[in-house]
């Protein structure tokens, strides 16, 4: 697996996540306190971008289906999400946020 630069730290705030596409995957970059997390950005129930959802207390709520996911772990906490979300290892180097994903 390789590390890919996806954005800079100033591109993401606690109330304004960043949606990206990398290697054909929709990924949401979220900030919780001073840490950054990358999770699958499409709700597991049906197509809706979680970066457009409601964020509170380390959770994100799907803007269409009210499924609630833990930002740090991708775990489905409630609602019609059907499954947990895929998470991507994340690290910060200087001002850059990198995530790890497989290359095809």
N, C-alpha and C. Protein backbone atom coordinates (compact mmCIF):
# COMPACT_ATOMS: atom_id res chain seq x y z
N UNK A 1 0.84 -1.18 0.00
CA UNK A 1 0.00 0.00 0.00
C UNK A 1 0.89 1.24 0.00
N UNK A 2 0.40 2.27 -0.65
CA UNK A 2 1.16 3.50 -0.78
C UNK A 2 0.46 4.65 -0.07
N UNK A 3 1.24 5.67 0.28
CA UNK A 3 0.71 6.90 0.87
C UNK A 3 0.50 7.92 -0.23
N UNK A 4 -0.63 8.64 -0.17
CA UNK A 4 -0.96 9.65 -1.17
C UNK A 4 -1.33 10.95 -0.47
N UNK A 5 -0.75 12.06 -0.94
CA UNK A 5 -1.14 13.37 -0.44
C UNK A 5 -2.55 13.66 -0.95
N UNK A 6 -3.45 14.04 -0.05
CA UNK A 6 -4.83 14.29 -0.45
C UNK A 6 -5.24 15.75 -0.28
N UNK A 7 -4.61 16.46 0.66
CA UNK A 7 -4.91 17.88 0.84
C UNK A 7 -3.95 18.43 1.88
N UNK A 8 -4.15 19.68 2.23
CA UNK A 8 -3.35 20.30 3.28
C UNK A 8 -4.21 20.49 4.52
N UNK A 9 -3.57 20.61 5.67
CA UNK A 9 -4.32 20.68 6.93
C UNK A 9 -5.28 21.86 6.97
N UNK A 10 -4.94 22.96 6.33
CA UNK A 10 -5.84 24.13 6.35
C UNK A 10 -7.08 23.92 5.47
N UNK A 11 -7.11 22.85 4.68
CA UNK A 11 -8.27 22.54 3.84
C UNK A 11 -9.41 21.88 4.61
N UNK A 12 -9.15 21.49 5.87
CA UNK A 12 -10.12 20.72 6.66
C UNK A 12 -10.27 21.36 8.03
N UNK A 13 -11.52 21.51 8.47
CA UNK A 13 -11.78 21.97 9.84
C UNK A 13 -12.81 21.03 10.45
N UNK A 14 -13.06 21.18 11.75
CA UNK A 14 -13.99 20.26 12.43
C UNK A 14 -15.40 20.33 11.86
N UNK A 15 -15.80 21.49 11.38
CA UNK A 15 -17.14 21.61 10.82
C UNK A 15 -17.16 21.68 9.30
N UNK A 16 -16.00 21.50 8.67
CA UNK A 16 -15.92 21.52 7.21
C UNK A 16 -14.95 20.44 6.72
N UNK A 17 -15.45 19.19 6.59
CA UNK A 17 -14.59 18.12 6.08
C UNK A 17 -14.32 18.32 4.59
N UNK A 18 -13.44 17.51 4.06
CA UNK A 18 -13.07 17.61 2.64
C UNK A 18 -13.39 16.30 1.94
N UNK A 19 -14.09 16.41 0.82
CA UNK A 19 -14.40 15.25 -0.02
C UNK A 19 -13.33 15.13 -1.09
N UNK A 20 -12.80 13.92 -1.25
CA UNK A 20 -11.81 13.66 -2.30
C UNK A 20 -12.15 12.34 -2.99
N UNK A 21 -11.57 12.15 -4.14
CA UNK A 21 -11.63 10.85 -4.80
C UNK A 21 -10.20 10.42 -5.05
N UNK A 22 -9.88 9.20 -4.64
CA UNK A 22 -8.53 8.67 -4.85
C UNK A 22 -8.63 7.22 -5.25
N UNK A 23 -7.99 6.89 -6.35
CA UNK A 23 -8.00 5.53 -6.87
C UNK A 23 -9.42 4.99 -7.03
N UNK A 24 -10.34 5.87 -7.45
CA UNK A 24 -11.72 5.47 -7.67
C UNK A 24 -12.57 5.38 -6.42
N UNK A 25 -12.01 5.73 -5.27
CA UNK A 25 -12.73 5.67 -4.00
C UNK A 25 -13.12 7.07 -3.54
N UNK A 26 -14.37 7.23 -3.11
CA UNK A 26 -14.82 8.48 -2.50
C UNK A 26 -14.41 8.44 -1.03
N UNK A 27 -13.63 9.44 -0.60
CA UNK A 27 -13.09 9.47 0.76
C UNK A 27 -13.40 10.82 1.39
N UNK A 28 -13.79 10.80 2.65
CA UNK A 28 -14.00 12.03 3.40
C UNK A 28 -12.87 12.22 4.39
N UNK A 29 -12.29 13.41 4.40
CA UNK A 29 -11.24 13.75 5.35
C UNK A 29 -11.88 14.62 6.44
N UNK A 30 -11.83 14.15 7.67
CA UNK A 30 -12.47 14.82 8.80
C UNK A 30 -11.43 15.20 9.84
N UNK A 31 -11.69 16.28 10.56
CA UNK A 31 -10.83 16.69 11.66
C UNK A 31 -11.61 16.55 12.96
N UNK A 32 -11.02 15.86 13.93
CA UNK A 32 -11.59 15.72 15.27
C UNK A 32 -10.50 16.16 16.24
N UNK A 33 -10.78 17.23 16.98
CA UNK A 33 -9.78 17.87 17.82
C UNK A 33 -8.61 18.27 16.93
N UNK A 34 -7.44 17.74 17.16
CA UNK A 34 -6.28 18.09 16.33
C UNK A 34 -5.88 16.95 15.39
N UNK A 35 -6.68 15.91 15.32
CA UNK A 35 -6.36 14.74 14.50
C UNK A 35 -7.22 14.70 13.24
N UNK A 36 -6.69 14.02 12.21
CA UNK A 36 -7.39 13.88 10.94
C UNK A 36 -7.71 12.41 10.69
N UNK A 37 -8.88 12.17 10.13
CA UNK A 37 -9.36 10.82 9.86
C UNK A 37 -9.91 10.75 8.45
N UNK A 38 -9.71 9.61 7.81
CA UNK A 38 -10.21 9.40 6.45
C UNK A 38 -11.14 8.18 6.46
N UNK A 39 -12.38 8.40 6.03
CA UNK A 39 -13.36 7.32 5.99
C UNK A 39 -14.05 7.31 4.63
N UNK A 40 -14.60 6.17 4.31
CA UNK A 40 -15.43 6.04 3.12
C UNK A 40 -16.46 7.18 3.15
N UNK A 41 -16.61 7.91 2.06
CA UNK A 41 -17.45 9.10 2.07
C UNK A 41 -18.88 8.86 1.61
N UNK A 42 -19.18 7.69 1.09
CA UNK A 42 -20.54 7.40 0.62
C UNK A 42 -21.25 6.56 1.67
N UNK A 43 -22.44 7.00 2.06
CA UNK A 43 -23.22 6.26 3.05
C UNK A 43 -23.39 4.81 2.59
N UNK A 44 -23.27 3.90 3.53
CA UNK A 44 -23.37 2.47 3.21
C UNK A 44 -24.80 2.05 2.84
N UNK A 45 -25.78 2.89 3.13
CA UNK A 45 -27.19 2.56 2.85
C UNK A 45 -27.56 2.87 1.40
N UNK A 46 -27.22 4.06 0.95
CA UNK A 46 -27.50 4.50 -0.43
C UNK A 46 -26.63 5.72 -0.68
N UNK A 47 -26.55 6.14 -1.94
CA UNK A 47 -25.58 7.19 -2.28
C UNK A 47 -25.93 8.54 -1.65
N UNK A 48 -25.07 8.97 -0.75
CA UNK A 48 -25.09 10.30 -0.16
C UNK A 48 -23.69 10.54 0.39
N UNK A 49 -23.15 11.72 0.14
CA UNK A 49 -21.81 12.03 0.64
C UNK A 49 -21.88 12.44 2.11
N UNK A 50 -21.12 11.75 2.93
CA UNK A 50 -21.12 12.03 4.36
C UNK A 50 -20.48 13.37 4.67
N UNK A 51 -19.59 13.85 3.81
CA UNK A 51 -19.00 15.17 4.02
C UNK A 51 -20.06 16.27 3.91
N UNK A 52 -21.24 15.96 3.39
CA UNK A 52 -22.36 16.90 3.35
C UNK A 52 -23.27 16.73 4.56
N UNK A 53 -22.93 15.81 5.45
CA UNK A 53 -23.77 15.48 6.59
C UNK A 53 -23.56 16.38 7.80
N UNK A 54 -24.27 16.06 8.87
CA UNK A 54 -24.21 16.79 10.13
C UNK A 54 -23.14 16.16 11.02
N UNK A 55 -22.22 16.99 11.53
CA UNK A 55 -21.10 16.51 12.34
C UNK A 55 -21.24 17.01 13.76
N UNK A 56 -21.14 16.07 14.72
CA UNK A 56 -21.19 16.44 16.14
C UNK A 56 -20.62 15.31 16.98
N UNK A 57 -19.81 15.67 17.97
CA UNK A 57 -19.27 14.70 18.93
C UNK A 57 -18.61 13.51 18.27
N UNK A 58 -17.71 13.76 17.31
CA UNK A 58 -16.94 12.70 16.64
C UNK A 58 -17.81 11.77 15.80
N UNK A 59 -19.02 12.21 15.46
CA UNK A 59 -19.95 11.42 14.65
C UNK A 59 -20.35 12.23 13.43
N UNK A 60 -20.70 11.52 12.36
CA UNK A 60 -21.26 12.17 11.18
C UNK A 60 -22.58 11.48 10.84
N UNK A 61 -23.59 12.29 10.55
CA UNK A 61 -24.91 11.78 10.21
C UNK A 61 -25.15 11.97 8.72
N UNK A 62 -25.56 10.91 8.06
CA UNK A 62 -25.86 10.96 6.63
C UNK A 62 -26.89 12.05 6.38
N UNK A 63 -26.66 12.91 5.37
CA UNK A 63 -27.61 13.99 5.11
C UNK A 63 -28.95 13.52 4.55
N UNK A 64 -29.03 12.29 4.06
CA UNK A 64 -30.28 11.79 3.48
C UNK A 64 -30.96 10.72 4.32
N UNK A 65 -30.18 9.85 4.94
CA UNK A 65 -30.76 8.64 5.53
C UNK A 65 -30.68 8.55 7.04
N UNK A 66 -30.04 9.54 7.67
CA UNK A 66 -29.91 9.62 9.12
C UNK A 66 -29.10 8.50 9.76
N UNK A 67 -28.33 7.77 8.96
CA UNK A 67 -27.38 6.82 9.55
C UNK A 67 -26.27 7.63 10.22
N UNK A 68 -25.82 7.15 11.37
CA UNK A 68 -24.78 7.86 12.12
C UNK A 68 -23.55 6.96 12.23
N UNK A 69 -22.39 7.52 11.85
CA UNK A 69 -21.13 6.79 11.85
C UNK A 69 -20.12 7.49 12.74
N UNK A 70 -19.28 6.70 13.40
CA UNK A 70 -18.17 7.22 14.18
C UNK A 70 -17.07 7.63 13.20
N UNK A 71 -16.64 8.87 13.26
CA UNK A 71 -15.62 9.38 12.33
C UNK A 71 -14.28 8.69 12.54
N UNK A 72 -13.93 8.37 13.77
CA UNK A 72 -12.62 7.78 14.06
C UNK A 72 -12.53 6.32 13.63
N UNK A 73 -13.64 5.59 13.71
CA UNK A 73 -13.59 4.14 13.48
C UNK A 73 -14.40 3.67 12.27
N UNK A 74 -15.31 4.52 11.77
CA UNK A 74 -16.19 4.12 10.68
C UNK A 74 -17.36 3.25 11.12
N UNK A 75 -17.49 3.00 12.42
CA UNK A 75 -18.52 2.11 12.93
C UNK A 75 -19.91 2.75 12.80
N UNK A 76 -20.86 1.97 12.30
CA UNK A 76 -22.25 2.39 12.22
C UNK A 76 -22.82 2.41 13.63
N UNK A 77 -23.28 3.56 14.08
CA UNK A 77 -23.82 3.69 15.44
C UNK A 77 -25.33 3.54 15.47
N UNK A 78 -26.01 4.01 14.41
CA UNK A 78 -27.47 3.87 14.34
C UNK A 78 -27.95 4.20 12.94
N UNK A 79 -29.17 3.79 12.66
CA UNK A 79 -29.78 4.10 11.37
C UNK A 79 -29.58 3.01 10.33
N UNK A 80 -29.98 3.29 9.11
CA UNK A 80 -30.03 2.28 8.05
C UNK A 80 -28.72 2.08 7.29
N UNK A 81 -27.60 2.29 7.91
CA UNK A 81 -26.33 2.20 7.20
C UNK A 81 -25.94 0.81 6.73
N UNK A 82 -26.46 -0.23 7.33
CA UNK A 82 -26.25 -1.62 6.92
C UNK A 82 -24.88 -2.20 7.29
N UNK A 83 -23.85 -1.38 7.38
CA UNK A 83 -22.51 -1.88 7.67
C UNK A 83 -21.61 -0.74 8.12
N UNK A 84 -20.45 -1.10 8.65
CA UNK A 84 -19.45 -0.10 9.00
C UNK A 84 -18.78 0.43 7.73
N UNK A 85 -18.17 1.60 7.84
CA UNK A 85 -17.47 2.20 6.71
C UNK A 85 -16.00 1.80 6.71
N UNK A 86 -15.42 1.79 5.53
CA UNK A 86 -13.98 1.54 5.40
C UNK A 86 -13.23 2.78 5.90
N UNK A 87 -12.17 2.56 6.65
CA UNK A 87 -11.32 3.66 7.10
C UNK A 87 -9.95 3.54 6.42
N UNK A 88 -9.29 4.66 6.29
CA UNK A 88 -7.98 4.72 5.66
C UNK A 88 -6.97 5.26 6.66
N UNK A 89 -5.82 4.59 6.80
CA UNK A 89 -4.77 5.14 7.66
C UNK A 89 -4.40 6.55 7.18
N UNK A 90 -4.20 7.44 8.14
CA UNK A 90 -3.96 8.85 7.84
C UNK A 90 -2.74 9.32 8.61
N UNK A 91 -1.95 10.20 8.00
CA UNK A 91 -0.85 10.83 8.71
C UNK A 91 -0.66 12.24 8.17
N UNK A 92 0.00 13.06 8.98
CA UNK A 92 0.31 14.44 8.60
C UNK A 92 1.82 14.57 8.50
N UNK A 93 2.27 15.14 7.40
CA UNK A 93 3.69 15.45 7.21
C UNK A 93 3.77 16.93 6.88
N UNK A 94 4.30 17.70 7.81
CA UNK A 94 4.34 19.15 7.63
C UNK A 94 2.92 19.68 7.59
N UNK A 95 2.53 20.28 6.48
CA UNK A 95 1.19 20.83 6.29
C UNK A 95 0.30 19.91 5.46
N UNK A 96 0.82 18.74 5.07
CA UNK A 96 0.10 17.86 4.16
C UNK A 96 -0.56 16.69 4.89
N UNK A 97 -1.77 16.35 4.45
CA UNK A 97 -2.47 15.16 4.95
C UNK A 97 -2.29 14.07 3.91
N UNK A 98 -1.86 12.91 4.36
CA UNK A 98 -1.68 11.75 3.48
C UNK A 98 -2.56 10.62 3.97
N UNK A 99 -3.08 9.82 3.01
CA UNK A 99 -3.79 8.61 3.38
C UNK A 99 -3.15 7.44 2.67
N UNK A 100 -3.34 6.28 3.25
CA UNK A 100 -2.78 5.05 2.68
C UNK A 100 -3.89 4.26 2.01
N UNK A 101 -3.65 3.89 0.76
CA UNK A 101 -4.62 3.02 0.07
C UNK A 101 -3.88 2.17 -0.95
N UNK A 102 -4.57 1.11 -1.36
CA UNK A 102 -3.98 0.19 -2.31
C UNK A 102 -3.92 0.81 -3.70
N UNK A 103 -2.91 0.42 -4.44
CA UNK A 103 -2.83 0.82 -5.84
C UNK A 103 -3.36 -0.32 -6.69
N UNK A 104 -4.01 0.03 -7.75
CA UNK A 104 -4.56 -0.99 -8.66
C UNK A 104 -3.63 -1.24 -9.82
